[in-house]
Amino acid sequence: SGEAGAADEARAALVRLERHYLNHPVRGGWYDQFDRDGKSLIDTIPASSFYHVLCAVTEAEQVLE
């Protein structure tokens, strides 16, 4: 926040988050780990990852206000 280009960086990070992690066939789900081809490496959706997803969105939101 307050840095030149911060809003653009936040928007780009949210796009990557959506594209790579949150674009999941289970509504409200996310990919925790995936290989270079985009295939999920695990069959579960760890609840502990939600903390990091929420924090990323919250931080970006502060910059975009």
N, C-alpha and C. Protein backbone atom coordinates (compact mmCIF):
# COMPACT_ATOMS: atom_id res chain seq x y z
N SER A 1 0.85 -1.18 0.00
CA SER A 1 0.00 0.00 0.00
C SER A 1 0.89 1.24 0.00
N GLY A 2 0.54 2.18 -0.82
CA GLY A 2 1.32 3.41 -0.86
C GLY A 2 2.52 3.36 -1.78
N GLU A 3 2.81 2.21 -2.33
CA GLU A 3 3.94 2.09 -3.25
C GLU A 3 3.45 2.14 -4.69
N ALA A 4 4.21 2.78 -5.53
CA ALA A 4 3.84 2.85 -6.95
C ALA A 4 3.73 1.44 -7.52
N GLY A 5 2.64 1.17 -8.20
CA GLY A 5 2.44 -0.12 -8.84
C GLY A 5 1.87 -1.19 -7.92
N ALA A 6 1.65 -0.88 -6.65
CA ALA A 6 1.17 -1.90 -5.70
C ALA A 6 -0.19 -2.44 -6.10
N ALA A 7 -1.08 -1.58 -6.55
CA ALA A 7 -2.43 -2.03 -6.93
C ALA A 7 -2.36 -2.98 -8.13
N ASP A 8 -1.51 -2.66 -9.09
CA ASP A 8 -1.36 -3.54 -10.26
C ASP A 8 -0.78 -4.90 -9.85
N GLU A 9 0.18 -4.90 -8.94
CA GLU A 9 0.77 -6.15 -8.45
C GLU A 9 -0.27 -6.97 -7.70
N ALA A 10 -1.10 -6.30 -6.90
CA ALA A 10 -2.14 -7.00 -6.15
C ALA A 10 -3.15 -7.64 -7.10
N ARG A 11 -3.56 -6.89 -8.11
CA ARG A 11 -4.51 -7.43 -9.10
C ARG A 11 -3.91 -8.64 -9.82
N ALA A 12 -2.66 -8.54 -10.21
CA ALA A 12 -2.00 -9.64 -10.91
C ALA A 12 -1.89 -10.87 -10.00
N ALA A 13 -1.60 -10.65 -8.73
CA ALA A 13 -1.51 -11.77 -7.78
C ALA A 13 -2.86 -12.45 -7.61
N LEU A 14 -3.94 -11.66 -7.56
CA LEU A 14 -5.28 -12.24 -7.43
C LEU A 14 -5.65 -13.04 -8.68
N VAL A 15 -5.26 -12.58 -9.84
CA VAL A 15 -5.52 -13.31 -11.08
C VAL A 15 -4.79 -14.65 -11.04
N ARG A 16 -3.52 -14.64 -10.62
CA ARG A 16 -2.76 -15.89 -10.53
C ARG A 16 -3.35 -16.83 -9.49
N LEU A 17 -3.78 -16.28 -8.36
CA LEU A 17 -4.40 -17.09 -7.32
C LEU A 17 -5.64 -17.78 -7.85
N GLU A 18 -6.47 -17.03 -8.55
CA GLU A 18 -7.70 -17.59 -9.13
C GLU A 18 -7.36 -18.65 -10.18
N ARG A 19 -6.45 -18.32 -11.09
CA ARG A 19 -6.13 -19.21 -12.21
C ARG A 19 -5.50 -20.52 -11.75
N HIS A 20 -4.56 -20.44 -10.83
CA HIS A 20 -3.78 -21.63 -10.48
C HIS A 20 -4.29 -22.39 -9.27
N TYR A 21 -4.90 -21.71 -8.32
CA TYR A 21 -5.28 -22.38 -7.08
C TYR A 21 -6.79 -22.50 -6.87
N LEU A 22 -7.54 -21.48 -7.25
CA LEU A 22 -8.96 -21.46 -6.90
C LEU A 22 -9.88 -21.96 -8.00
N ASN A 23 -9.37 -22.19 -9.18
CA ASN A 23 -10.16 -22.71 -10.29
C ASN A 23 -10.28 -24.22 -10.12
N HIS A 24 -11.16 -24.63 -9.24
CA HIS A 24 -11.26 -26.02 -8.79
C HIS A 24 -12.66 -26.55 -9.09
N PRO A 25 -12.78 -27.83 -9.46
CA PRO A 25 -14.10 -28.37 -9.78
C PRO A 25 -15.05 -28.44 -8.58
N VAL A 26 -14.51 -28.44 -7.37
CA VAL A 26 -15.35 -28.43 -6.17
C VAL A 26 -15.59 -26.96 -5.80
N ARG A 27 -16.85 -26.55 -5.83
CA ARG A 27 -17.17 -25.15 -5.51
C ARG A 27 -16.64 -24.80 -4.12
N GLY A 28 -15.87 -23.73 -4.04
CA GLY A 28 -15.27 -23.31 -2.78
C GLY A 28 -13.98 -24.05 -2.46
N GLY A 29 -13.55 -24.94 -3.34
CA GLY A 29 -12.32 -25.69 -3.12
C GLY A 29 -11.12 -24.99 -3.74
N TRP A 30 -9.97 -25.55 -3.52
CA TRP A 30 -8.75 -25.00 -4.09
C TRP A 30 -7.74 -26.12 -4.25
N TYR A 31 -6.76 -25.87 -5.08
CA TYR A 31 -5.63 -26.79 -5.23
C TYR A 31 -4.56 -26.39 -4.24
N ASP A 32 -4.05 -27.35 -3.52
CA ASP A 32 -3.01 -27.06 -2.54
C ASP A 32 -1.63 -27.23 -3.15
N GLN A 33 -1.46 -28.29 -3.92
CA GLN A 33 -0.19 -28.57 -4.57
C GLN A 33 -0.46 -29.13 -5.96
N PHE A 34 0.32 -28.71 -6.92
CA PHE A 34 0.16 -29.25 -8.27
C PHE A 34 1.50 -29.33 -8.96
N ASP A 35 1.57 -30.19 -9.98
CA ASP A 35 2.81 -30.35 -10.72
C ASP A 35 2.91 -29.29 -11.82
N ARG A 36 3.97 -29.32 -12.58
CA ARG A 36 4.18 -28.29 -13.60
C ARG A 36 3.16 -28.35 -14.73
N ASP A 37 2.44 -29.47 -14.84
CA ASP A 37 1.38 -29.59 -15.84
C ASP A 37 0.02 -29.16 -15.30
N GLY A 38 -0.02 -28.75 -14.03
CA GLY A 38 -1.27 -28.31 -13.43
C GLY A 38 -2.10 -29.41 -12.80
N LYS A 39 -1.56 -30.62 -12.74
CA LYS A 39 -2.27 -31.74 -12.14
C LYS A 39 -2.06 -31.72 -10.62
N SER A 40 -3.17 -31.88 -9.88
CA SER A 40 -3.09 -31.88 -8.42
C SER A 40 -2.22 -33.02 -7.93
N LEU A 41 -1.37 -32.74 -6.96
CA LEU A 41 -0.49 -33.76 -6.39
C LEU A 41 -1.13 -34.45 -5.19
N ILE A 42 -2.22 -33.91 -4.68
CA ILE A 42 -2.89 -34.52 -3.54
C ILE A 42 -4.38 -34.61 -3.82
N ASP A 43 -5.05 -35.54 -3.15
CA ASP A 43 -6.48 -35.77 -3.37
C ASP A 43 -7.37 -35.03 -2.37
N THR A 44 -6.77 -34.29 -1.46
CA THR A 44 -7.54 -33.61 -0.43
C THR A 44 -7.42 -32.09 -0.58
N ILE A 45 -8.25 -31.38 0.15
CA ILE A 45 -8.18 -29.92 0.20
C ILE A 45 -7.89 -29.56 1.66
N PRO A 46 -6.62 -29.37 2.02
CA PRO A 46 -6.27 -29.11 3.41
C PRO A 46 -6.89 -27.81 3.92
N ALA A 47 -7.55 -27.89 5.06
CA ALA A 47 -8.15 -26.70 5.66
C ALA A 47 -7.10 -25.69 6.06
N SER A 48 -5.90 -26.14 6.38
CA SER A 48 -4.85 -25.22 6.80
C SER A 48 -4.47 -24.24 5.69
N SER A 49 -4.66 -24.61 4.45
CA SER A 49 -4.35 -23.71 3.33
C SER A 49 -5.30 -22.54 3.25
N PHE A 50 -6.51 -22.70 3.76
CA PHE A 50 -7.50 -21.64 3.70
C PHE A 50 -6.98 -20.37 4.38
N TYR A 51 -6.24 -20.52 5.46
CA TYR A 51 -5.66 -19.38 6.17
C TYR A 51 -4.81 -18.54 5.21
N HIS A 52 -3.99 -19.19 4.42
CA HIS A 52 -3.09 -18.48 3.51
C HIS A 52 -3.86 -17.83 2.36
N VAL A 53 -4.87 -18.52 1.86
CA VAL A 53 -5.71 -17.95 0.80
C VAL A 53 -6.42 -16.71 1.33
N LEU A 54 -7.01 -16.81 2.49
CA LEU A 54 -7.72 -15.68 3.09
C LEU A 54 -6.79 -14.50 3.34
N CYS A 55 -5.60 -14.77 3.85
CA CYS A 55 -4.64 -13.69 4.10
C CYS A 55 -4.21 -13.01 2.81
N ALA A 56 -4.00 -13.77 1.76
CA ALA A 56 -3.60 -13.19 0.47
C ALA A 56 -4.68 -12.26 -0.06
N VAL A 57 -5.91 -12.70 0.00
CA VAL A 57 -7.02 -11.88 -0.49
C VAL A 57 -7.19 -10.64 0.38
N THR A 58 -7.06 -10.79 1.69
CA THR A 58 -7.19 -9.65 2.61
C THR A 58 -6.10 -8.62 2.36
N GLU A 59 -4.88 -9.06 2.18
CA GLU A 59 -3.78 -8.12 1.91
C GLU A 59 -3.99 -7.39 0.58
N ALA A 60 -4.40 -8.12 -0.43
CA ALA A 60 -4.63 -7.49 -1.73
C ALA A 60 -5.76 -6.49 -1.64
N GLU A 61 -6.79 -6.83 -0.90
CA GLU A 61 -7.95 -5.94 -0.76
C GLU A 61 -7.53 -4.61 -0.13
N GLN A 62 -6.61 -4.63 0.82
CA GLN A 62 -6.15 -3.41 1.47
C GLN A 62 -5.48 -2.48 0.47
N VAL A 63 -4.74 -3.05 -0.46
CA VAL A 63 -4.04 -2.26 -1.47
C VAL A 63 -5.03 -1.72 -2.50
N LEU A 64 -6.08 -2.47 -2.78
CA LEU A 64 -7.01 -2.11 -3.84
C LEU A 64 -8.13 -1.15 -3.38
N GLU A 65 -8.22 -0.88 -2.08
CA GLU A 65 -9.28 0.02 -1.59
C GLU A 65 -9.11 1.43 -2.09
